[in-house]
Amino acid sequence: MTDNINNPSHYQGANDLEAIDVVHNFVGNLFGASAFFWGNAIKYMLRFQKKNGLEGLKKARKNLDWLIEEMEKDLKSPIHKD
């Protein structure tokens, strides 16, 4: 029986690696909305072949667009000005 709450099959990769493992290992110093958008983009890209196909890629792209907006906003903040 598949555990769709704790271990859904669409998040399982090779060698028992799960999407959450990738997110935890690569999020780096992102936090707040930036970390959220980045994690969602990664999640959708990792699972698109097992769940929702093209729709998943479009969701990943939307989250990447939001992440880019956050990064551009951060670059314009007074803390980043010379």
PDB file of N, CA and C in Angstrom:
ATOM      1  N   MET A   1       0.836  -1.183   0.000  1.00  0.00           N
ATOM      2  CA  MET A   1       0.000   0.000   0.000  1.00  0.00           C
ATOM      3  C   MET A   1       0.885   1.253   0.000  1.00  0.00           C
ATOM      4  N   THR A   2       0.569   2.202  -0.854  1.00  0.00           N
ATOM      5  CA  THR A   2       1.326   3.444  -0.957  1.00  0.00           C
ATOM      6  C   THR A   2       0.895   4.415   0.137  1.00  0.00           C
ATOM      7  N   ASP A   3       1.858   5.083   0.747  1.00  0.00           N
ATOM      8  CA  ASP A   3       1.590   6.091   1.766  1.00  0.00           C
ATOM      9  C   ASP A   3       1.621   7.460   1.091  1.00  0.00           C
ATOM     10  N   ASN A   4       0.457   7.949   0.669  1.00  0.00           N
ATOM     11  CA  ASN A   4       0.383   9.207  -0.062  1.00  0.00           C
ATOM     12  C   ASN A   4       0.576  10.438   0.813  1.00  0.00           C
ATOM     13  N   ILE A   5       0.655  10.259   2.114  1.00  0.00           N
ATOM     14  CA  ILE A   5       0.902  11.384   3.013  1.00  0.00           C
ATOM     15  C   ILE A   5       2.397  11.538   3.288  1.00  0.00           C
ATOM     16  N   ASN A   6       3.049  10.472   3.692  1.00  0.00           N
ATOM     17  CA  ASN A   6       4.450  10.537   4.108  1.00  0.00           C
ATOM     18  C   ASN A   6       5.450  10.218   3.009  1.00  0.00           C
ATOM     19  N   ASN A   7       5.098   9.389   2.065  1.00  0.00           N
ATOM     20  CA  ASN A   7       6.024   8.978   1.008  1.00  0.00           C
ATOM     21  C   ASN A   7       5.309   8.797  -0.327  1.00  0.00           C
ATOM     22  N   PRO A   8       4.730   9.868  -0.881  1.00  0.00           N
ATOM     23  CA  PRO A   8       4.044   9.705  -2.161  1.00  0.00           C
ATOM     24  C   PRO A   8       5.032   9.311  -3.263  1.00  0.00           C
ATOM     25  N   SER A   9       4.612   8.422  -4.132  1.00  0.00           N
ATOM     26  CA  SER A   9       5.517   7.885  -5.156  1.00  0.00           C
ATOM     27  C   SER A   9       6.023   8.951  -6.122  1.00  0.00           C
ATOM     28  N   HIS A  10       5.248  10.022  -6.346  1.00  0.00           N
ATOM     29  CA  HIS A  10       5.689  11.051  -7.294  1.00  0.00           C
ATOM     30  C   HIS A  10       6.820  11.921  -6.734  1.00  0.00           C
ATOM     31  N   TYR A  11       7.185  11.736  -5.468  1.00  0.00           N
ATOM     32  CA  TYR A  11       8.338  12.429  -4.895  1.00  0.00           C
ATOM     33  C   TYR A  11       9.544  11.515  -4.726  1.00  0.00           C
ATOM     34  N   GLN A  12       9.406  10.254  -5.093  1.00  0.00           N
ATOM     35  CA  GLN A  12      10.487   9.277  -4.945  1.00  0.00           C
ATOM     36  C   GLN A  12      11.363   9.263  -6.193  1.00  0.00           C
ATOM     37  N   GLY A  13      12.653   9.342  -5.993  1.00  0.00           N
ATOM     38  CA  GLY A  13      13.600   9.245  -7.094  1.00  0.00           C
ATOM     39  C   GLY A  13      14.427   7.985  -6.959  1.00  0.00           C
ATOM     40  N   ALA A  14      15.470   7.924  -7.735  1.00  0.00           N
ATOM     41  CA  ALA A  14      16.383   6.780  -7.674  1.00  0.00           C
ATOM     42  C   ALA A  14      17.097   6.759  -6.328  1.00  0.00           C
ATOM     43  N   ASN A  15      17.502   5.584  -5.902  1.00  0.00           N
ATOM     44  CA  ASN A  15      18.265   5.402  -4.659  1.00  0.00           C
ATOM     45  C   ASN A  15      17.550   5.952  -3.430  1.00  0.00           C
ATOM     46  N   ASP A  16      16.230   5.903  -3.435  1.00  0.00           N
ATOM     47  CA  ASP A  16      15.405   6.368  -2.312  1.00  0.00           C
ATOM     48  C   ASP A  16      15.552   7.859  -2.015  1.00  0.00           C
ATOM     49  N   LEU A  17      16.065   8.631  -2.943  1.00  0.00           N
ATOM     50  CA  LEU A  17      16.177  10.074  -2.761  1.00  0.00           C
ATOM     51  C   LEU A  17      14.807  10.699  -3.000  1.00  0.00           C
ATOM     52  N   GLU A  18      14.415  11.592  -2.110  1.00  0.00           N
ATOM     53  CA  GLU A  18      13.130  12.268  -2.236  1.00  0.00           C
ATOM     54  C   GLU A  18      13.344  13.747  -2.534  1.00  0.00           C
ATOM     55  N   ALA A  19      12.329  14.373  -3.104  1.00  0.00           N
ATOM     56  CA  ALA A  19      12.404  15.795  -3.432  1.00  0.00           C
ATOM     57  C   ALA A  19      12.773  16.626  -2.204  1.00  0.00           C
ATOM     58  N   ILE A  20      12.230  16.293  -1.054  1.00  0.00           N
ATOM     59  CA  ILE A  20      12.514  17.042   0.172  1.00  0.00           C
ATOM     60  C   ILE A  20      14.001  16.988   0.528  1.00  0.00           C
ATOM     61  N   ASP A  21      14.653  15.875   0.219  1.00  0.00           N
ATOM     62  CA  ASP A  21      16.092  15.750   0.479  1.00  0.00           C
ATOM     63  C   ASP A  21      16.882  16.730  -0.388  1.00  0.00           C
ATOM     64  N   VAL A  22      16.487  16.855  -1.641  1.00  0.00           N
ATOM     65  CA  VAL A  22      17.155  17.787  -2.555  1.00  0.00           C
ATOM     66  C   VAL A  22      16.968  19.216  -2.054  1.00  0.00           C
ATOM     67  N   VAL A  23      15.745  19.565  -1.712  1.00  0.00           N
ATOM     68  CA  VAL A  23      15.460  20.917  -1.233  1.00  0.00           C
ATOM     69  C   VAL A  23      16.282  21.235   0.016  1.00  0.00           C
ATOM     70  N   HIS A  24      16.294  20.331   0.987  1.00  0.00           N
ATOM     71  CA  HIS A  24      17.064  20.571   2.213  1.00  0.00           C
ATOM     72  C   HIS A  24      18.557  20.718   1.945  1.00  0.00           C
ATOM     73  N   ASN A  25      19.081  19.965   1.002  1.00  0.00           N
ATOM     74  CA  ASN A  25      20.517  19.978   0.743  1.00  0.00           C
ATOM     75  C   ASN A  25      20.992  21.139  -0.123  1.00  0.00           C
ATOM     76  N   PHE A  26      20.095  21.755  -0.879  1.00  0.00           N
ATOM     77  CA  PHE A  26      20.528  22.780  -1.819  1.00  0.00           C
ATOM     78  C   PHE A  26      19.920  24.161  -1.609  1.00  0.00           C
ATOM     79  N   VAL A  27      19.075  24.352  -0.613  1.00  0.00           N
ATOM     80  CA  VAL A  27      18.425  25.639  -0.416  1.00  0.00           C
ATOM     81  C   VAL A  27      19.428  26.750  -0.099  1.00  0.00           C
ATOM     82  N   GLY A  28      20.576  26.392   0.446  1.00  0.00           N
ATOM     83  CA  GLY A  28      21.625  27.384   0.710  1.00  0.00           C
ATOM     84  C   GLY A  28      21.185  28.445   1.690  1.00  0.00           C
ATOM     85  N   ASN A  29      21.467  29.700   1.361  1.00  0.00           N
ATOM     86  CA  ASN A  29      21.161  30.794   2.283  1.00  0.00           C
ATOM     87  C   ASN A  29      19.856  31.513   1.943  1.00  0.00           C
ATOM     88  N   LEU A  30      19.019  30.903   1.114  1.00  0.00           N
ATOM     89  CA  LEU A  30      17.724  31.501   0.822  1.00  0.00           C
ATOM     90  C   LEU A  30      16.818  31.372   2.036  1.00  0.00           C
ATOM     91  N   PHE A  31      15.926  32.336   2.212  1.00  0.00           N
ATOM     92  CA  PHE A  31      14.970  32.273   3.305  1.00  0.00           C
ATOM     93  C   PHE A  31      13.688  32.968   2.876  1.00  0.00           C
ATOM     94  N   GLY A  32      12.651  32.799   3.653  1.00  0.00           N
ATOM     95  CA  GLY A  32      11.377  33.457   3.373  1.00  0.00           C
ATOM     96  C   GLY A  32      10.797  33.077   2.025  1.00  0.00           C
ATOM     97  N   ALA A  33      10.221  34.074   1.354  1.00  0.00           N
ATOM     98  CA  ALA A  33       9.556  33.844   0.074  1.00  0.00           C
ATOM     99  C   ALA A  33      10.512  33.266  -0.963  1.00  0.00           C
ATOM    100  N   SER A  34      11.755  33.717  -0.968  1.00  0.00           N
ATOM    101  CA  SER A  34      12.724  33.209  -1.948  1.00  0.00           C
ATOM    102  C   SER A  34      12.938  31.712  -1.787  1.00  0.00           C
ATOM    103  N   ALA A  35      13.094  31.258  -0.562  1.00  0.00           N
ATOM    104  CA  ALA A  35      13.269  29.823  -0.310  1.00  0.00           C
ATOM    105  C   ALA A  35      12.018  29.055  -0.709  1.00  0.00           C
ATOM    106  N   PHE A  36      10.863  29.623  -0.427  1.00  0.00           N
ATOM    107  CA  PHE A  36       9.597  28.980  -0.778  1.00  0.00           C
ATOM    108  C   PHE A  36       9.472  28.808  -2.288  1.00  0.00           C
ATOM    109  N   PHE A  37       9.693  29.886  -3.045  1.00  0.00           N
ATOM    110  CA  PHE A  37       9.570  29.814  -4.506  1.00  0.00           C
ATOM    111  C   PHE A  37      10.601  28.863  -5.095  1.00  0.00           C
ATOM    112  N   TRP A  38      11.830  28.918  -4.594  1.00  0.00           N
ATOM    113  CA  TRP A  38      12.883  28.027  -5.086  1.00  0.00           C
ATOM    114  C   TRP A  38      12.517  26.570  -4.822  1.00  0.00           C
ATOM    115  N   GLY A  39      12.094  26.269  -3.602  1.00  0.00           N
ATOM    116  CA  GLY A  39      11.725  24.902  -3.247  1.00  0.00           C
ATOM    117  C   GLY A  39      10.573  24.377  -4.079  1.00  0.00           C
ATOM    118  N   ASN A  40       9.575  25.231  -4.310  1.00  0.00           N
ATOM    119  CA  ASN A  40       8.452  24.808  -5.144  1.00  0.00           C
ATOM    120  C   ASN A  40       8.892  24.532  -6.573  1.00  0.00           C
ATOM    121  N   ALA A  41       9.732  25.385  -7.131  1.00  0.00           N
ATOM    122  CA  ALA A  41      10.212  25.168  -8.501  1.00  0.00           C
ATOM    123  C   ALA A  41      10.942  23.834  -8.605  1.00  0.00           C
ATOM    124  N   ILE A  42      11.812  23.558  -7.654  1.00  0.00           N
ATOM    125  CA  ILE A  42      12.549  22.290  -7.648  1.00  0.00           C
ATOM    126  C   ILE A  42      11.586  21.117  -7.531  1.00  0.00           C
ATOM    127  N   LYS A  43      10.642  21.215  -6.610  1.00  0.00           N
ATOM    128  CA  LYS A  43       9.653  20.150  -6.393  1.00  0.00           C
ATOM    129  C   LYS A  43       8.910  19.832  -7.688  1.00  0.00           C
ATOM    130  N   TYR A  44       8.402  20.861  -8.352  1.00  0.00           N
ATOM    131  CA  TYR A  44       7.639  20.626  -9.580  1.00  0.00           C
ATOM    132  C   TYR A  44       8.508  20.033 -10.683  1.00  0.00           C
ATOM    133  N   MET A  45       9.757  20.473 -10.784  1.00  0.00           N
ATOM    134  CA  MET A  45      10.638  19.913 -11.814  1.00  0.00           C
ATOM    135  C   MET A  45      10.989  18.462 -11.530  1.00  0.00           C
ATOM    136  N   LEU A  46      11.191  18.135 -10.264  1.00  0.00           N
ATOM    137  CA  LEU A  46      11.561  16.765  -9.922  1.00  0.00           C
ATOM    138  C   LEU A  46      10.423  15.776 -10.140  1.00  0.00           C
ATOM    139  N   ARG A  47       9.186  16.214  -9.983  1.00  0.00           N
ATOM    140  CA  ARG A  47       8.072  15.269 -10.059  1.00  0.00           C
ATOM    141  C   ARG A  47       7.278  15.322 -11.354  1.00  0.00           C
ATOM    142  N   PHE A  48       7.576  16.243 -12.271  1.00  0.00           N
ATOM    143  CA  PHE A  48       6.717  16.440 -13.431  1.00  0.00           C
ATOM    144  C   PHE A  48       6.528  15.185 -14.280  1.00  0.00           C
ATOM    145  N   GLN A  49       7.523  14.307 -14.330  1.00  0.00           N
ATOM    146  CA  GLN A  49       7.393  13.098 -15.147  1.00  0.00           C
ATOM    147  C   GLN A  49       6.456  12.071 -14.515  1.00  0.00           C
ATOM    148  N   LYS A  50       6.237  12.182 -13.213  1.00  0.00           N
ATOM    149  CA  LYS A  50       5.369  11.231 -12.508  1.00  0.00           C
ATOM    150  C   LYS A  50       4.007  11.825 -12.168  1.00  0.00           C
ATOM    151  N   LYS A  51       3.899  13.155 -12.184  1.00  0.00           N
ATOM    152  CA  LYS A  51       2.643  13.795 -11.805  1.00  0.00           C
ATOM    153  C   LYS A  51       2.453  15.096 -12.580  1.00  0.00           C
ATOM    154  N   ASN A  52       1.427  15.159 -13.364  1.00  0.00           N
ATOM    155  CA  ASN A  52       0.936  16.360 -14.046  1.00  0.00           C
ATOM    156  C   ASN A  52       1.774  16.863 -15.216  1.00  0.00           C
ATOM    157  N   GLY A  53       2.859  16.219 -15.571  1.00  0.00           N
ATOM    158  CA  GLY A  53       3.612  16.540 -16.784  1.00  0.00           C
ATOM    159  C   GLY A  53       3.834  18.018 -17.032  1.00  0.00           C
ATOM    160  N   LEU A  54       3.366  18.493 -18.176  1.00  0.00           N
ATOM    161  CA  LEU A  54       3.578  19.868 -18.611  1.00  0.00           C
ATOM    162  C   LEU A  54       3.057  20.883 -17.593  1.00  0.00           C
ATOM    163  N   GLU A  55       1.937  20.580 -16.961  1.00  0.00           N
ATOM    164  CA  GLU A  55       1.398  21.488 -15.943  1.00  0.00           C
ATOM    165  C   GLU A  55       2.412  21.704 -14.818  1.00  0.00           C
ATOM    166  N   GLY A  56       3.094  20.649 -14.414  1.00  0.00           N
ATOM    167  CA  GLY A  56       4.113  20.772 -13.379  1.00  0.00           C
ATOM    168  C   GLY A  56       5.257  21.676 -13.808  1.00  0.00           C
ATOM    169  N   LEU A  57       5.668  21.549 -15.071  1.00  0.00           N
ATOM    170  CA  LEU A  57       6.738  22.419 -15.576  1.00  0.00           C
ATOM    171  C   LEU A  57       6.298  23.876 -15.619  1.00  0.00           C
ATOM    172  N   LYS A  58       5.050  24.108 -15.960  1.00  0.00           N
ATOM    173  CA  LYS A  58       4.540  25.481 -15.976  1.00  0.00           C
ATOM    174  C   LYS A  58       4.483  26.057 -14.561  1.00  0.00           C
ATOM    175  N   LYS A  59       4.128  25.221 -13.598  1.00  0.00           N
ATOM    176  CA  LYS A  59       4.138  25.666 -12.200  1.00  0.00           C
ATOM    177  C   LYS A  59       5.564  25.967 -11.746  1.00  0.00           C
ATOM    178  N   ALA A  60       6.511  25.147 -12.175  1.00  0.00           N
ATOM    179  CA  ALA A  60       7.918  25.400 -11.842  1.00  0.00           C
ATOM    180  C   ALA A  60       8.359  26.733 -12.423  1.00  0.00           C
ATOM    181  N   ARG A  61       8.002  26.974 -13.685  1.00  0.00           N
ATOM    182  CA  ARG A  61       8.376  28.232 -14.344  1.00  0.00           C
ATOM    183  C   ARG A  61       7.778  29.429 -13.611  1.00  0.00           C
ATOM    184  N   LYS A  62       6.518  29.324 -13.180  1.00  0.00           N
ATOM    185  CA  LYS A  62       5.873  30.421 -12.460  1.00  0.00           C
ATOM    186  C   LYS A  62       6.607  30.705 -11.152  1.00  0.00           C
ATOM    187  N   ASN A  63       6.976  29.651 -10.436  1.00  0.00           N
ATOM    188  CA  ASN A  63       7.724  29.839  -9.193  1.00  0.00           C
ATOM    189  C   ASN A  63       9.099  30.432  -9.455  1.00  0.00           C
ATOM    190  N   LEU A  64       9.736  30.049 -10.557  1.00  0.00           N
ATOM    191  CA  LEU A  64      11.025  30.654 -10.917  1.00  0.00           C
ATOM    192  C   LEU A  64      10.858  32.133 -11.244  1.00  0.00           C
ATOM    193  N   ASP A  65       9.768  32.487 -11.937  1.00  0.00           N
ATOM    194  CA  ASP A  65       9.498  33.901 -12.216  1.00  0.00           C
ATOM    195  C   ASP A  65       9.358  34.686 -10.911  1.00  0.00           C
ATOM    196  N   TRP A  66       8.623  34.114  -9.949  1.00  0.00           N
ATOM    197  CA  TRP A  66       8.460  34.792  -8.660  1.00  0.00           C
ATOM    198  C   TRP A  66       9.792  34.897  -7.924  1.00  0.00           C
ATOM    199  N   LEU A  67      10.607  33.855  -8.011  1.00  0.00           N
ATOM    200  CA  LEU A  67      11.924  33.881  -7.372  1.00  0.00           C
ATOM    201  C   LEU A  67      12.797  34.966  -7.998  1.00  0.00           C
ATOM    202  N   ILE A  68      12.772  35.061  -9.309  1.00  0.00           N
ATOM    203  CA  ILE A  68      13.551  36.091 -10.004  1.00  0.00           C
ATOM    204  C   ILE A  68      13.095  37.481  -9.567  1.00  0.00           C
ATOM    205  N   GLU A  69      11.788  37.686  -9.451  1.00  0.00           N
ATOM    206  CA  GLU A  69      11.275  38.974  -8.975  1.00  0.00           C
ATOM    207  C   GLU A  69      11.799  39.289  -7.572  1.00  0.00           C
ATOM    208  N   GLU A  70      11.811  38.286  -6.698  1.00  0.00           N
ATOM    209  CA  GLU A  70      12.335  38.484  -5.342  1.00  0.00           C
ATOM    210  C   GLU A  70      13.818  38.852  -5.376  1.00  0.00           C
ATOM    211  N   MET A  71      14.590  38.148  -6.200  1.00  0.00           N
ATOM    212  CA  MET A  71      16.028  38.405  -6.292  1.00  0.00           C
ATOM    213  C   MET A  71      16.286  39.808  -6.847  1.00  0.00           C
ATOM    214  N   GLU A  72      15.509  40.213  -7.855  1.00  0.00           N
ATOM    215  CA  GLU A  72      15.676  41.555  -8.420  1.00  0.00           C
ATOM    216  C   GLU A  72      15.297  42.625  -7.403  1.00  0.00           C
ATOM    217  N   LYS A  73      14.252  42.365  -6.635  1.00  0.00           N
ATOM    218  CA  LYS A  73      13.835  43.300  -5.583  1.00  0.00           C
ATOM    219  C   LYS A  73      14.944  43.439  -4.542  1.00  0.00           C
ATOM    220  N   ASP A  74      15.544  42.317  -4.171  1.00  0.00           N
ATOM    221  CA  ASP A  74      16.635  42.344  -3.192  1.00  0.00           C
ATOM    222  C   ASP A  74      17.826  43.141  -3.708  1.00  0.00           C
ATOM    223  N   LEU A  75      18.130  43.001  -4.996  1.00  0.00           N
ATOM    224  CA  LEU A  75      19.265  43.731  -5.572  1.00  0.00           C
ATOM    225  C   LEU A  75      19.033  45.234  -5.591  1.00  0.00           C
ATOM    226  N   LYS A  76      17.770  45.649  -5.646  1.00  0.00           N
ATOM    227  CA  LYS A  76      17.437  47.072  -5.674  1.00  0.00           C
ATOM    228  C   LYS A  76      17.322  47.676  -4.277  1.00  0.00           C
ATOM    229  N   SER A  77      17.341  46.852  -3.253  1.00  0.00           N
ATOM    230  CA  SER A  77      17.177  47.365  -1.892  1.00  0.00           C
ATOM    231  C   SER A  77      18.410  48.171  -1.486  1.00  0.00           C
ATOM    232  N   PRO A  78      18.243  49.140  -0.589  1.00  0.00           N
ATOM    233  CA  PRO A  78      19.362  49.991  -0.163  1.00  0.00           C
ATOM    234  C   PRO A  78      20.551  49.207   0.383  1.00  0.00           C
ATOM    235  N   ILE A  79      20.316  48.050   0.929  1.00  0.00           N
ATOM    236  CA  ILE A  79      21.402  47.250   1.507  1.00  0.00           C
ATOM    237  C   ILE A  79      22.387  46.774   0.436  1.00  0.00           C
ATOM    238  N   HIS A  80      21.930  46.669  -0.822  1.00  0.00           N
ATOM    239  CA  HIS A  80      22.781  46.188  -1.907  1.00  0.00           C
ATOM    240  C   HIS A  80      23.376  47.317  -2.751  1.00  0.00           C
ATOM    241  N   LYS A  81      23.054  48.558  -2.430  1.00  0.00           N
ATOM    242  CA  LYS A  81      23.582  49.679  -3.218  1.00  0.00           C
ATOM    243  C   LYS A  81      24.975  50.050  -2.748  1.00  0.00           C
ATOM    244  N   ASP A  82      25.810  50.470  -3.701  1.00  0.00           N
ATOM    245  CA  ASP A  82      27.189  50.884  -3.379  1.00  0.00           C
ATOM    246  C   ASP A  82      27.234  52.286  -2.826  1.00  0.00           C
TER     247      ASP A  82
END
